[in-house]
N, C-alpha and C. Protein backbone atom coordinates (compact mmCIF):
# COMPACT_ATOMS: atom_id res chain seq x y z
N UNK A 1 -3.23 -182.28 -86.41
CA UNK A 1 -3.23 -180.86 -86.63
C UNK A 1 -3.48 -180.60 -88.11
N UNK A 2 -4.27 -179.64 -88.43
CA UNK A 2 -4.61 -179.36 -89.82
C UNK A 2 -3.62 -178.40 -90.44
N UNK A 3 -3.80 -178.13 -91.73
CA UNK A 3 -2.88 -177.26 -92.46
C UNK A 3 -2.92 -175.81 -91.99
N UNK A 4 -3.97 -175.44 -91.21
CA UNK A 4 -4.01 -174.06 -90.73
C UNK A 4 -3.36 -173.95 -89.35
N UNK A 5 -2.48 -174.86 -89.05
CA UNK A 5 -1.61 -174.82 -87.88
C UNK A 5 -2.36 -174.86 -86.56
N UNK A 6 -3.47 -175.61 -86.50
CA UNK A 6 -4.12 -175.85 -85.23
C UNK A 6 -5.26 -174.91 -84.90
N UNK A 7 -5.67 -174.02 -85.78
CA UNK A 7 -6.75 -173.09 -85.47
C UNK A 7 -8.03 -173.80 -85.09
N UNK A 8 -8.39 -174.88 -85.80
CA UNK A 8 -9.65 -175.54 -85.51
C UNK A 8 -9.57 -176.41 -84.25
N UNK A 9 -8.39 -176.51 -83.65
CA UNK A 9 -8.25 -177.22 -82.38
C UNK A 9 -8.22 -176.25 -81.21
N UNK A 10 -8.46 -174.97 -81.50
CA UNK A 10 -8.43 -173.96 -80.45
C UNK A 10 -7.03 -173.48 -80.11
N UNK A 11 -6.04 -173.91 -80.87
CA UNK A 11 -4.67 -173.47 -80.62
C UNK A 11 -4.41 -172.15 -81.32
N UNK A 12 -3.55 -171.36 -80.71
CA UNK A 12 -3.16 -170.09 -81.32
C UNK A 12 -2.10 -170.36 -82.38
N UNK A 13 -2.11 -169.55 -83.41
CA UNK A 13 -1.08 -169.66 -84.43
C UNK A 13 0.18 -169.03 -83.85
N UNK A 14 1.19 -169.85 -83.66
CA UNK A 14 2.47 -169.39 -83.11
C UNK A 14 3.57 -169.80 -84.08
N UNK A 15 4.74 -169.21 -83.94
CA UNK A 15 5.84 -169.65 -84.82
C UNK A 15 6.11 -171.14 -84.72
N UNK A 16 6.03 -171.69 -83.51
CA UNK A 16 6.29 -173.13 -83.36
C UNK A 16 5.22 -173.95 -84.07
N UNK A 17 3.96 -173.57 -83.93
CA UNK A 17 2.89 -174.27 -84.64
C UNK A 17 3.09 -174.18 -86.15
N UNK A 18 3.52 -173.02 -86.63
CA UNK A 18 3.78 -172.87 -88.07
C UNK A 18 4.91 -173.79 -88.51
N UNK A 19 5.98 -173.88 -87.70
CA UNK A 19 7.08 -174.79 -88.04
C UNK A 19 6.61 -176.23 -88.07
N UNK A 20 5.80 -176.63 -87.09
CA UNK A 20 5.27 -177.99 -87.08
C UNK A 20 4.44 -178.25 -88.33
N UNK A 21 3.66 -177.26 -88.74
CA UNK A 21 2.86 -177.40 -89.95
C UNK A 21 3.71 -177.57 -91.19
N UNK A 22 4.81 -176.81 -91.26
CA UNK A 22 5.72 -176.93 -92.39
C UNK A 22 6.41 -178.28 -92.41
N UNK A 23 6.74 -178.80 -91.24
CA UNK A 23 7.44 -180.08 -91.15
C UNK A 23 6.55 -181.24 -91.57
N UNK A 24 5.25 -181.10 -91.41
CA UNK A 24 4.37 -182.21 -91.76
C UNK A 24 3.87 -182.11 -93.20
N UNK A 25 4.20 -181.04 -93.89
CA UNK A 25 3.75 -180.86 -95.27
C UNK A 25 4.77 -181.44 -96.24
N UNK A 26 4.30 -182.16 -97.23
CA UNK A 26 5.18 -182.67 -98.28
C UNK A 26 6.25 -183.61 -97.74
N UNK A 27 7.47 -183.44 -98.24
CA UNK A 27 8.56 -184.32 -97.83
C UNK A 27 9.52 -183.62 -96.89
N UNK A 28 9.04 -182.70 -96.09
CA UNK A 28 9.88 -181.99 -95.14
C UNK A 28 10.51 -182.92 -94.11
N UNK A 29 9.90 -184.08 -93.88
CA UNK A 29 10.45 -184.99 -92.88
C UNK A 29 11.84 -185.47 -93.25
N UNK A 30 12.20 -185.43 -94.52
CA UNK A 30 13.55 -185.84 -94.92
C UNK A 30 14.60 -184.84 -94.43
N UNK A 31 14.19 -183.63 -94.10
CA UNK A 31 15.12 -182.62 -93.58
C UNK A 31 15.72 -183.06 -92.25
N UNK A 32 15.03 -183.92 -91.51
CA UNK A 32 15.49 -184.37 -90.20
C UNK A 32 16.47 -185.53 -90.28
N UNK A 33 16.53 -186.18 -91.42
CA UNK A 33 17.37 -187.37 -91.55
C UNK A 33 18.85 -187.01 -91.56
N UNK A 34 19.64 -187.68 -90.73
CA UNK A 34 21.08 -187.43 -90.75
C UNK A 34 21.70 -187.96 -92.03
N UNK A 35 22.69 -187.25 -92.50
CA UNK A 35 23.39 -187.64 -93.73
C UNK A 35 24.89 -187.48 -93.48
N UNK A 36 25.62 -188.51 -93.85
CA UNK A 36 27.08 -188.46 -93.70
C UNK A 36 27.70 -188.06 -95.04
N UNK A 37 28.65 -187.15 -94.95
CA UNK A 37 29.41 -186.78 -96.15
C UNK A 37 30.89 -186.84 -95.83
N UNK A 38 31.63 -187.40 -96.76
CA UNK A 38 33.08 -187.46 -96.62
C UNK A 38 33.70 -186.37 -97.46
N UNK A 39 34.65 -185.67 -96.87
CA UNK A 39 35.38 -184.63 -97.59
C UNK A 39 36.77 -184.49 -97.00
N UNK A 40 37.56 -183.69 -97.67
CA UNK A 40 38.94 -183.50 -97.23
C UNK A 40 39.10 -182.10 -96.67
N UNK A 41 39.74 -182.03 -95.50
CA UNK A 41 40.08 -180.75 -94.88
C UNK A 41 41.59 -180.72 -94.77
N UNK A 42 42.21 -179.84 -95.51
CA UNK A 42 43.67 -179.72 -95.55
C UNK A 42 44.34 -181.07 -95.81
N UNK A 43 43.78 -181.83 -96.76
CA UNK A 43 44.34 -183.10 -97.17
C UNK A 43 43.96 -184.29 -96.32
N UNK A 44 43.25 -184.06 -95.22
CA UNK A 44 42.85 -185.15 -94.34
C UNK A 44 41.38 -185.49 -94.61
N UNK A 45 41.13 -186.77 -94.84
CA UNK A 45 39.77 -187.23 -95.09
C UNK A 45 38.98 -187.24 -93.78
N UNK A 46 37.77 -186.72 -93.84
CA UNK A 46 36.91 -186.71 -92.66
C UNK A 46 35.47 -186.95 -93.08
N UNK A 47 34.69 -187.47 -92.18
CA UNK A 47 33.27 -187.68 -92.43
C UNK A 47 32.50 -186.84 -91.42
N UNK A 48 31.53 -186.10 -91.93
CA UNK A 48 30.71 -185.24 -91.08
C UNK A 48 29.26 -185.70 -91.20
N UNK A 49 28.61 -185.80 -90.07
CA UNK A 49 27.21 -186.23 -90.02
C UNK A 49 26.35 -185.05 -89.57
N UNK A 50 25.49 -184.59 -90.48
CA UNK A 50 24.56 -183.51 -90.19
C UNK A 50 23.19 -183.87 -90.75
N UNK A 51 22.16 -183.28 -90.21
CA UNK A 51 20.83 -183.45 -90.76
C UNK A 51 20.78 -182.80 -92.14
N UNK A 52 19.96 -183.35 -93.01
CA UNK A 52 19.84 -182.87 -94.39
C UNK A 52 19.56 -181.37 -94.44
N UNK A 53 18.78 -180.85 -93.52
CA UNK A 53 18.46 -179.42 -93.49
C UNK A 53 19.73 -178.57 -93.40
N UNK A 54 20.71 -179.02 -92.60
CA UNK A 54 21.95 -178.26 -92.47
C UNK A 54 22.79 -178.35 -93.74
N UNK A 55 22.82 -179.53 -94.38
CA UNK A 55 23.55 -179.64 -95.64
C UNK A 55 22.94 -178.71 -96.69
N UNK A 56 21.61 -178.59 -96.68
CA UNK A 56 20.95 -177.68 -97.63
C UNK A 56 21.41 -176.24 -97.42
N UNK A 57 21.50 -175.82 -96.16
CA UNK A 57 21.95 -174.46 -95.86
C UNK A 57 23.41 -174.29 -96.25
N UNK A 58 24.24 -175.28 -95.96
CA UNK A 58 25.66 -175.20 -96.34
C UNK A 58 25.82 -175.11 -97.86
N UNK A 59 25.00 -175.85 -98.60
CA UNK A 59 25.05 -175.77 -100.06
C UNK A 59 24.68 -174.37 -100.54
N UNK A 60 23.65 -173.79 -99.93
CA UNK A 60 23.23 -172.44 -100.29
C UNK A 60 24.31 -171.41 -99.95
N UNK A 61 24.92 -171.55 -98.78
CA UNK A 61 25.99 -170.64 -98.37
C UNK A 61 27.20 -170.78 -99.29
N UNK A 62 27.56 -172.01 -99.61
CA UNK A 62 28.69 -172.24 -100.52
C UNK A 62 28.43 -171.60 -101.88
N UNK A 63 27.23 -171.77 -102.40
CA UNK A 63 26.89 -171.16 -103.69
C UNK A 63 26.98 -169.64 -103.62
N UNK A 64 26.53 -169.07 -102.51
CA UNK A 64 26.58 -167.61 -102.37
C UNK A 64 28.01 -167.09 -102.26
N UNK A 65 28.92 -167.96 -101.81
CA UNK A 65 30.34 -167.60 -101.71
C UNK A 65 31.13 -168.05 -102.94
N UNK A 66 30.44 -168.67 -103.90
CA UNK A 66 31.06 -169.17 -105.13
C UNK A 66 32.20 -170.16 -104.82
N UNK A 67 31.86 -171.13 -103.96
CA UNK A 67 32.83 -172.16 -103.61
C UNK A 67 32.11 -173.49 -103.41
N UNK A 68 32.86 -174.55 -103.32
CA UNK A 68 32.29 -175.87 -103.06
C UNK A 68 31.95 -175.99 -101.57
N UNK A 69 31.12 -176.97 -101.26
CA UNK A 69 30.80 -177.23 -99.86
C UNK A 69 32.07 -177.64 -99.11
N UNK A 70 32.92 -178.44 -99.72
CA UNK A 70 34.18 -178.86 -99.08
C UNK A 70 35.06 -177.65 -98.76
N UNK A 71 35.16 -176.72 -99.69
CA UNK A 71 35.96 -175.51 -99.45
C UNK A 71 35.35 -174.67 -98.34
N UNK A 72 34.04 -174.57 -98.35
CA UNK A 72 33.34 -173.82 -97.30
C UNK A 72 33.58 -174.45 -95.94
N UNK A 73 33.43 -175.76 -95.85
CA UNK A 73 33.63 -176.46 -94.57
C UNK A 73 35.07 -176.25 -94.09
N UNK A 74 36.03 -176.30 -94.99
CA UNK A 74 37.43 -176.06 -94.62
C UNK A 74 37.60 -174.65 -94.08
N UNK A 75 37.00 -173.68 -94.72
CA UNK A 75 37.10 -172.29 -94.26
C UNK A 75 36.46 -172.13 -92.88
N UNK A 76 35.30 -172.76 -92.69
CA UNK A 76 34.62 -172.71 -91.39
C UNK A 76 35.46 -173.41 -90.33
N UNK A 77 36.04 -174.54 -90.69
CA UNK A 77 36.92 -175.27 -89.78
C UNK A 77 38.07 -174.39 -89.32
N UNK A 78 38.71 -173.71 -90.26
CA UNK A 78 39.84 -172.84 -89.93
C UNK A 78 39.42 -171.72 -88.98
N UNK A 79 38.24 -171.18 -89.20
CA UNK A 79 37.77 -170.06 -88.39
C UNK A 79 37.28 -170.53 -87.02
N UNK A 80 36.63 -171.67 -86.97
CA UNK A 80 35.98 -172.12 -85.73
C UNK A 80 36.86 -172.98 -84.84
N UNK A 81 38.03 -173.40 -85.32
CA UNK A 81 38.83 -174.31 -84.51
C UNK A 81 39.27 -173.68 -83.19
N UNK A 82 39.31 -172.37 -83.12
CA UNK A 82 39.70 -171.71 -81.87
C UNK A 82 38.57 -171.77 -80.84
N UNK A 83 37.34 -171.67 -81.31
CA UNK A 83 36.18 -171.65 -80.41
C UNK A 83 35.77 -173.05 -79.97
N UNK A 84 35.83 -174.02 -80.88
CA UNK A 84 35.33 -175.35 -80.57
C UNK A 84 36.16 -176.38 -81.33
N UNK A 85 37.31 -176.72 -80.80
CA UNK A 85 38.26 -177.57 -81.50
C UNK A 85 37.76 -178.99 -81.75
N UNK A 86 36.87 -179.48 -80.93
CA UNK A 86 36.54 -180.89 -80.98
C UNK A 86 35.26 -181.22 -81.71
N UNK A 87 34.45 -180.22 -82.06
CA UNK A 87 33.16 -180.55 -82.65
C UNK A 87 32.85 -179.68 -83.85
N UNK A 88 33.35 -180.08 -84.99
CA UNK A 88 33.12 -179.35 -86.24
C UNK A 88 31.64 -179.34 -86.60
N UNK A 89 30.93 -180.45 -86.37
CA UNK A 89 29.51 -180.51 -86.70
C UNK A 89 28.72 -179.44 -85.95
N UNK A 90 29.02 -179.24 -84.68
CA UNK A 90 28.34 -178.19 -83.92
C UNK A 90 28.64 -176.83 -84.48
N UNK A 91 29.88 -176.60 -84.84
CA UNK A 91 30.27 -175.32 -85.43
C UNK A 91 29.51 -175.09 -86.74
N UNK A 92 29.40 -176.12 -87.56
CA UNK A 92 28.68 -175.99 -88.83
C UNK A 92 27.20 -175.68 -88.59
N UNK A 93 26.60 -176.31 -87.61
CA UNK A 93 25.19 -176.03 -87.30
C UNK A 93 25.00 -174.58 -86.88
N UNK A 94 25.90 -174.08 -86.04
CA UNK A 94 25.79 -172.69 -85.58
C UNK A 94 25.97 -171.73 -86.76
N UNK A 95 26.91 -172.00 -87.64
CA UNK A 95 27.11 -171.17 -88.82
C UNK A 95 25.85 -171.15 -89.68
N UNK A 96 25.22 -172.32 -89.84
CA UNK A 96 23.98 -172.39 -90.62
C UNK A 96 22.90 -171.52 -89.99
N UNK A 97 22.74 -171.61 -88.68
CA UNK A 97 21.73 -170.81 -88.00
C UNK A 97 22.02 -169.32 -88.14
N UNK A 98 23.28 -168.95 -88.01
CA UNK A 98 23.64 -167.53 -88.15
C UNK A 98 23.40 -167.05 -89.58
N UNK A 99 23.70 -167.87 -90.56
CA UNK A 99 23.45 -167.52 -91.95
C UNK A 99 21.96 -167.30 -92.19
N UNK A 100 21.14 -168.18 -91.65
CA UNK A 100 19.69 -168.02 -91.79
C UNK A 100 19.21 -166.77 -91.06
N UNK A 101 19.75 -166.53 -89.86
CA UNK A 101 19.31 -165.37 -89.08
C UNK A 101 19.63 -164.03 -89.74
N UNK A 102 20.77 -163.96 -90.44
CA UNK A 102 21.09 -162.67 -91.08
C UNK A 102 20.38 -162.52 -92.41
N UNK A 103 19.80 -163.61 -92.90
CA UNK A 103 18.95 -163.55 -94.08
C UNK A 103 19.61 -163.11 -95.37
N UNK A 104 20.82 -163.54 -95.58
CA UNK A 104 21.51 -163.18 -96.83
C UNK A 104 21.05 -164.03 -97.98
């Protein structure tokens, strides 16, 4: 697929084709790589595994809230534990998507 998102292959320019084009440009492929980070939540050490793209969004959200990523994750944990007690990583991914969707 070319940089114009498939036009010369007879494909229509769609949001998905545009995303595929962005993923193949530069070093975007590193966004898919899982990354483990260890942090403390209420004094308990935990390791969370998320794709680099989600860590980037969490870093941006933490900066916008003037807090560390660890503090942000703790705050999200406290809020999300009622909805999904067993999977903090899923909760973090949903928060990232919601943050991107509201475009703050």
